[in-house]
């Protein structure tokens, strides 16, 4: 890969970090999707794709902890791209390459709830009966990034970032399928 791809990835990663940082400390309870693309690219010229060659994706710590996850993600991506009319081929003949990365982190959310009870007696102040409850919720938040790399220019031309709370680990495949479907809704972008 060229220095252009590395710089492009660095710039996109910085933009994503800034966007996620602005979202606030509370994790999302729904799937948050953000996509961006190079508006100078004619995505209508793309017909074939391949995965980025090499095993860099599999070295990701998230994938090492759950070795089935890369297969789930790649199968879901391939189904979505096939449904959109793209054909999988070799990296040497593909119009674009697909790359993925993921991260998972455990987060603790502290919620304070204030509620007011019933007032007793005459002329009691409302402040006398305000109660506060603190709730700690431990959640697992997952992030997945998909990138489309133009094989001619070797530059990232489209990227989608999906983040959300992994609510049900027993239905990880369904969660991955739903996330990939939403992430690829905007690919190829209308140009």
C-alpha atoms as a PDB file:
ATOM      1  CA  UNK A   1       0.000   0.000   0.000  1.00  0.00           C
ATOM      2  CA  UNK A   2       1.191   3.477  -0.674  1.00  0.00           C
ATOM      3  CA  UNK A   3       1.758   6.406   1.646  1.00  0.00           C
ATOM      4  CA  UNK A   4      -1.383   7.988   0.162  1.00  0.00           C
ATOM      5  CA  UNK A   5      -3.569   5.222   1.600  1.00  0.00           C
ATOM      6  CA  UNK A   6      -1.902   5.518   5.005  1.00  0.00           C
ATOM      7  CA  UNK A   7      -2.363   9.296   5.059  1.00  0.00           C
ATOM      8  CA  UNK A   8      -5.948   8.981   3.841  1.00  0.00           C
ATOM      9  CA  UNK A   9      -6.720   6.429   6.551  1.00  0.00           C
ATOM     10  CA  UNK A  10      -5.077   8.643   9.148  1.00  0.00           C
ATOM     11  CA  UNK A  11      -7.192  11.633   8.093  1.00  0.00           C
ATOM     12  CA  UNK A  12     -10.414   9.591   8.095  1.00  0.00           C
ATOM     13  CA  UNK A  13      -9.564   8.076  11.482  1.00  0.00           C
ATOM     14  CA  UNK A  14      -8.929  11.555  12.913  1.00  0.00           C
ATOM     15  CA  UNK A  15     -12.294  12.743  11.578  1.00  0.00           C
ATOM     16  CA  UNK A  16     -14.049   9.725  13.098  1.00  0.00           C
ATOM     17  CA  UNK A  17     -12.361  10.197  16.463  1.00  0.00           C
ATOM     18  CA  UNK A  18     -13.442  13.838  16.455  1.00  0.00           C
ATOM     19  CA  UNK A  19     -17.015  12.907  15.530  1.00  0.00           C
ATOM     20  CA  UNK A  20     -17.240  10.185  18.166  1.00  0.00           C
ATOM     21  CA  UNK A  21     -15.671  12.499  20.750  1.00  0.00           C
ATOM     22  CA  UNK A  22     -18.409  15.045  20.120  1.00  0.00           C
ATOM     23  CA  UNK A  23     -21.063  12.412  20.739  1.00  0.00           C
ATOM     24  CA  UNK A  24     -20.545  12.639  24.507  1.00  0.00           C
ATOM     25  CA  UNK A  25     -19.585  10.101  27.140  1.00  0.00           C
ATOM     26  CA  UNK A  26     -22.795   8.106  27.095  1.00  0.00           C
ATOM     27  CA  UNK A  27     -22.669   5.082  24.777  1.00  0.00           C
ATOM     28  CA  UNK A  28     -25.227   4.794  22.048  1.00  0.00           C
ATOM     29  CA  UNK A  29     -28.111   2.463  22.687  1.00  0.00           C
ATOM     30  CA  UNK A  30     -28.816   2.259  18.951  1.00  0.00           C
ATOM     31  CA  UNK A  31     -26.493   1.673  16.048  1.00  0.00           C
ATOM     32  CA  UNK A  32     -24.744   4.892  15.059  1.00  0.00           C
ATOM     33  CA  UNK A  33     -23.689   4.931  11.388  1.00  0.00           C
ATOM     34  CA  UNK A  34     -21.531   7.532   9.689  1.00  0.00           C
ATOM     35  CA  UNK A  35     -20.403   7.225   6.072  1.00  0.00           C
ATOM     36  CA  UNK A  36     -18.315   9.451   3.872  1.00  0.00           C
ATOM     37  CA  UNK A  37     -17.053   9.238   0.311  1.00  0.00           C
ATOM     38  CA  UNK A  38     -14.910  10.964  -2.285  1.00  0.00           C
ATOM     39  CA  UNK A  39     -17.364  12.946  -4.431  1.00  0.00           C
ATOM     40  CA  UNK A  40     -14.936  12.973  -7.383  1.00  0.00           C
ATOM     41  CA  UNK A  41     -15.196   9.198  -7.870  1.00  0.00           C
ATOM     42  CA  UNK A  42     -17.582   7.620 -10.396  1.00  0.00           C
ATOM     43  CA  UNK A  43     -18.887   4.715  -8.328  1.00  0.00           C
ATOM     44  CA  UNK A  44     -20.954   3.566 -11.330  1.00  0.00           C
ATOM     45  CA  UNK A  45     -17.716   2.316 -12.915  1.00  0.00           C
ATOM     46  CA  UNK A  46     -17.246  -0.219 -10.104  1.00  0.00           C
ATOM     47  CA  UNK A  47     -18.373  -3.776 -10.848  1.00  0.00           C
ATOM     48  CA  UNK A  48     -15.891  -6.094  -9.112  1.00  0.00           C
ATOM     49  CA  UNK A  49     -14.349  -6.194  -5.646  1.00  0.00           C
ATOM     50  CA  UNK A  50     -11.914  -8.178  -3.523  1.00  0.00           C
ATOM     51  CA  UNK A  51     -10.740  -8.095   0.070  1.00  0.00           C
ATOM     52  CA  UNK A  52      -7.499  -6.291   0.859  1.00  0.00           C
ATOM     53  CA  UNK A  53      -4.766  -8.911   0.444  1.00  0.00           C
ATOM     54  CA  UNK A  54      -2.836 -10.056   3.482  1.00  0.00           C
ATOM     55  CA  UNK A  55      -3.726 -11.094   6.973  1.00  0.00           C
ATOM     56  CA  UNK A  56      -3.619  -7.682   8.708  1.00  0.00           C
ATOM     57  CA  UNK A  57      -7.360  -7.802   9.455  1.00  0.00           C
ATOM     58  CA  UNK A  58      -7.065 -11.071  11.322  1.00  0.00           C
ATOM     59  CA  UNK A  59      -4.303  -9.685  13.583  1.00  0.00           C
ATOM     60  CA  UNK A  60      -6.829  -7.274  15.123  1.00  0.00           C
ATOM     61  CA  UNK A  61      -7.155  -8.046  18.896  1.00  0.00           C
ATOM     62  CA  UNK A  62     -10.962  -8.164  18.598  1.00  0.00           C
ATOM     63  CA  UNK A  63     -10.729 -10.860  15.943  1.00  0.00           C
ATOM     64  CA  UNK A  64      -8.138 -12.804  17.938  1.00  0.00           C
ATOM     65  CA  UNK A  65     -10.567 -13.013  20.895  1.00  0.00           C
ATOM     66  CA  UNK A  66     -13.439 -14.109  18.645  1.00  0.00           C
ATOM     67  CA  UNK A  67     -12.027 -15.933  15.594  1.00  0.00           C
ATOM     68  CA  UNK A  68     -15.509 -16.466  14.081  1.00  0.00           C
ATOM     69  CA  UNK A  69     -16.148 -12.718  13.870  1.00  0.00           C
ATOM     70  CA  UNK A  70     -14.097 -11.940  10.720  1.00  0.00           C
ATOM     71  CA  UNK A  71     -15.940 -14.698   8.864  1.00  0.00           C
ATOM     72  CA  UNK A  72     -19.320 -13.365  10.007  1.00  0.00           C
ATOM     73  CA  UNK A  73     -18.425  -9.836   8.943  1.00  0.00           C
ATOM     74  CA  UNK A  74     -16.928 -10.792   5.586  1.00  0.00           C
ATOM     75  CA  UNK A  75     -19.871 -13.096   4.756  1.00  0.00           C
ATOM     76  CA  UNK A  76     -22.357 -10.323   5.575  1.00  0.00           C
ATOM     77  CA  UNK A  77     -20.396  -7.787   3.485  1.00  0.00           C
ATOM     78  CA  UNK A  78     -20.193 -10.208   0.552  1.00  0.00           C
ATOM     79  CA  UNK A  79     -23.962 -10.905   0.701  1.00  0.00           C
ATOM     80  CA  UNK A  80     -24.739  -7.187   0.697  1.00  0.00           C
ATOM     81  CA  UNK A  81     -22.326  -6.420  -2.160  1.00  0.00           C
ATOM     82  CA  UNK A  82     -23.672  -9.355  -4.208  1.00  0.00           C
ATOM     83  CA  UNK A  83     -27.229  -8.097  -3.645  1.00  0.00           C
ATOM     84  CA  UNK A  84     -26.093  -4.720  -4.990  1.00  0.00           C
ATOM     85  CA  UNK A  85     -24.751  -6.359  -8.166  1.00  0.00           C
ATOM     86  CA  UNK A  86     -21.024  -6.450  -7.398  1.00  0.00           C
ATOM     87  CA  UNK A  87     -18.972  -9.528  -8.241  1.00  0.00           C
ATOM     88  CA  UNK A  88     -16.161 -10.869  -6.075  1.00  0.00           C
ATOM     89  CA  UNK A  89     -12.901 -11.449  -7.941  1.00  0.00           C
ATOM     90  CA  UNK A  90      -9.150 -11.464  -7.310  1.00  0.00           C
ATOM     91  CA  UNK A  91      -7.356  -8.421  -5.917  1.00  0.00           C
ATOM     92  CA  UNK A  92      -5.416  -8.065  -9.176  1.00  0.00           C
ATOM     93  CA  UNK A  93      -8.556  -7.645 -11.310  1.00  0.00           C
ATOM     94  CA  UNK A  94     -10.919  -5.934  -8.833  1.00  0.00           C
ATOM     95  CA  UNK A  95     -12.232  -2.409  -9.359  1.00  0.00           C
ATOM     96  CA  UNK A  96     -12.107  -1.822  -5.608  1.00  0.00           C
ATOM     97  CA  UNK A  97     -10.806  -3.474  -2.455  1.00  0.00           C
ATOM     98  CA  UNK A  98     -12.672  -3.808   0.841  1.00  0.00           C
ATOM     99  CA  UNK A  99     -10.944  -3.476   4.226  1.00  0.00           C
ATOM    100  CA  UNK A 100     -12.391  -3.827   7.716  1.00  0.00           C
ATOM    101  CA  UNK A 101     -11.321  -3.140  11.262  1.00  0.00           C
ATOM    102  CA  UNK A 102     -13.113  -3.483  14.579  1.00  0.00           C
ATOM    103  CA  UNK A 103     -12.822  -2.596  18.227  1.00  0.00           C
ATOM    104  CA  UNK A 104     -14.734  -3.577  21.339  1.00  0.00           C
ATOM    105  CA  UNK A 105     -14.622  -1.918  24.720  1.00  0.00           C
ATOM    106  CA  UNK A 106     -16.459  -2.384  27.984  1.00  0.00           C
ATOM    107  CA  UNK A 107     -18.024   0.825  29.240  1.00  0.00           C
ATOM    108  CA  UNK A 108     -19.793   1.748  32.464  1.00  0.00           C
ATOM    109  CA  UNK A 109     -22.626   4.241  32.285  1.00  0.00           C
ATOM    110  CA  UNK A 110     -23.553   6.135  35.433  1.00  0.00           C
ATOM    111  CA  UNK A 111     -27.143   7.384  35.415  1.00  0.00           C
ATOM    112  CA  UNK A 112     -28.671   9.566  38.096  1.00  0.00           C
ATOM    113  CA  UNK A 113     -32.430   9.643  38.302  1.00  0.00           C
ATOM    114  CA  UNK A 114     -34.261  12.233  40.339  1.00  0.00           C
ATOM    115  CA  UNK A 115     -37.851  11.756  41.299  1.00  0.00           C
ATOM    116  CA  UNK A 116     -40.251  13.481  43.606  1.00  0.00           C
ATOM    117  CA  UNK A 117     -42.400  11.685  46.139  1.00  0.00           C
ATOM    118  CA  UNK A 118     -45.722  12.697  47.642  1.00  0.00           C
ATOM    119  CA  UNK A 119     -45.875  15.632  49.976  1.00  0.00           C
ATOM    120  CA  UNK A 120     -47.430  15.100  53.417  1.00  0.00           C
ATOM    121  CA  UNK A 121     -48.982  17.757  55.545  1.00  0.00           C
ATOM    122  CA  UNK A 122     -49.735  21.405  54.983  1.00  0.00           C
ATOM    123  CA  UNK A 123     -47.293  23.782  53.255  1.00  0.00           C
ATOM    124  CA  UNK A 124     -44.430  21.300  52.840  1.00  0.00           C
ATOM    125  CA  UNK A 125     -41.631  22.319  50.540  1.00  0.00           C
ATOM    126  CA  UNK A 126     -41.274  20.312  47.324  1.00  0.00           C
ATOM    127  CA  UNK A 127     -37.543  20.076  48.035  1.00  0.00           C
ATOM    128  CA  UNK A 128     -38.229  17.936  51.101  1.00  0.00           C
ATOM    129  CA  UNK A 129     -39.215  14.937  49.043  1.00  0.00           C
ATOM    130  CA  UNK A 130     -36.872  14.787  46.044  1.00  0.00           C
ATOM    131  CA  UNK A 131     -35.039  11.485  45.900  1.00  0.00           C
ATOM    132  CA  UNK A 132     -32.026  10.524  43.821  1.00  0.00           C
ATOM    133  CA  UNK A 133     -31.145   7.054  42.594  1.00  0.00           C
ATOM    134  CA  UNK A 134     -27.837   6.179  40.942  1.00  0.00           C
ATOM    135  CA  UNK A 135     -27.650   3.325  38.481  1.00  0.00           C
ATOM    136  CA  UNK A 136     -24.494   1.715  37.049  1.00  0.00           C
ATOM    137  CA  UNK A 137     -24.835  -0.157  33.767  1.00  0.00           C
ATOM    138  CA  UNK A 138     -21.967  -2.145  32.276  1.00  0.00           C
ATOM    139  CA  UNK A 139     -22.169  -2.490  28.522  1.00  0.00           C
ATOM    140  CA  UNK A 140     -20.008  -3.642  25.651  1.00  0.00           C
ATOM    141  CA  UNK A 141     -19.685  -1.154  22.814  1.00  0.00           C
ATOM    142  CA  UNK A 142     -18.514  -2.364  19.422  1.00  0.00           C
ATOM    143  CA  UNK A 143     -17.148  -0.347  16.516  1.00  0.00           C
ATOM    144  CA  UNK A 144     -16.731  -1.559  12.944  1.00  0.00           C
ATOM    145  CA  UNK A 145     -15.096   0.359  10.100  1.00  0.00           C
ATOM    146  CA  UNK A 146     -15.458  -0.651   6.453  1.00  0.00           C
ATOM    147  CA  UNK A 147     -13.332   0.992   3.775  1.00  0.00           C
ATOM    148  CA  UNK A 148     -13.491   0.864  -0.014  1.00  0.00           C
ATOM    149  CA  UNK A 149     -10.147   1.423  -1.714  1.00  0.00           C
ATOM    150  CA  UNK A 150      -9.923   2.303  -5.403  1.00  0.00           C
ATOM    151  CA  UNK A 151      -7.414  -0.100  -6.965  1.00  0.00           C
ATOM    152  CA  UNK A 152      -6.264   2.384  -9.613  1.00  0.00           C
ATOM    153  CA  UNK A 153      -5.472   5.262  -7.239  1.00  0.00           C
ATOM    154  CA  UNK A 154      -4.901   3.121  -4.114  1.00  0.00           C
ATOM    155  CA  UNK A 155      -6.879   5.705  -2.156  1.00  0.00           C
ATOM    156  CA  UNK A 156      -9.788   5.233   0.240  1.00  0.00           C
ATOM    157  CA  UNK A 157     -12.866   6.455  -1.647  1.00  0.00           C
ATOM    158  CA  UNK A 158     -15.655   5.410   0.745  1.00  0.00           C
ATOM    159  CA  UNK A 159     -15.784   4.619   4.448  1.00  0.00           C
ATOM    160  CA  UNK A 160     -18.519   3.654   6.870  1.00  0.00           C
ATOM    161  CA  UNK A 161     -18.204   3.653  10.639  1.00  0.00           C
ATOM    162  CA  UNK A 162     -20.748   1.789  12.747  1.00  0.00           C
ATOM    163  CA  UNK A 163     -20.831   1.866  16.538  1.00  0.00           C
ATOM    164  CA  UNK A 164     -23.306   0.627  19.084  1.00  0.00           C
ATOM    165  CA  UNK A 165     -23.920  -1.391  22.210  1.00  0.00           C
ATOM    166  CA  UNK A 166     -23.694  -5.138  21.738  1.00  0.00           C
ATOM    167  CA  UNK A 167     -26.865  -6.045  23.584  1.00  0.00           C
ATOM    168  CA  UNK A 168     -27.118  -9.753  22.855  1.00  0.00           C
ATOM    169  CA  UNK A 169     -23.954 -11.784  22.483  1.00  0.00           C
ATOM    170  CA  UNK A 170     -26.038 -14.900  21.809  1.00  0.00           C
ATOM    171  CA  UNK A 171     -27.233 -13.346  18.516  1.00  0.00           C
ATOM    172  CA  UNK A 172     -23.913 -11.906  17.372  1.00  0.00           C
ATOM    173  CA  UNK A 173     -24.444 -13.091  13.790  1.00  0.00           C
ATOM    174  CA  UNK A 174     -27.810 -11.306  13.574  1.00  0.00           C
ATOM    175  CA  UNK A 175     -26.292  -8.176  15.100  1.00  0.00           C
ATOM    176  CA  UNK A 176     -23.419  -8.242  12.583  1.00  0.00           C
ATOM    177  CA  UNK A 177     -25.813  -8.798   9.653  1.00  0.00           C
ATOM    178  CA  UNK A 178     -28.015  -5.865  10.705  1.00  0.00           C
ATOM    179  CA  UNK A 179     -25.010  -3.590  11.226  1.00  0.00           C
ATOM    180  CA  UNK A 180     -23.451  -4.435   7.840  1.00  0.00           C
ATOM    181  CA  UNK A 181     -26.785  -3.934   6.090  1.00  0.00           C
ATOM    182  CA  UNK A 182     -27.164  -0.456   7.602  1.00  0.00           C
ATOM    183  CA  UNK A 183     -23.520   0.449   6.970  1.00  0.00           C
ATOM    184  CA  UNK A 184     -23.705  -0.496   3.290  1.00  0.00           C
ATOM    185  CA  UNK A 185     -27.016   1.301   2.672  1.00  0.00           C
ATOM    186  CA  UNK A 186     -25.030   4.287   1.425  1.00  0.00           C
ATOM    187  CA  UNK A 187     -22.771   2.258  -0.899  1.00  0.00           C
ATOM    188  CA  UNK A 188     -22.433   3.004  -3.690  1.00  0.00           C
ATOM    189  CA  UNK A 189     -23.271   6.635  -2.988  1.00  0.00           C
ATOM    190  CA  UNK A 190     -25.440   8.626  -5.371  1.00  0.00           C
ATOM    191  CA  UNK A 191     -23.075  10.717  -7.441  1.00  0.00           C
END
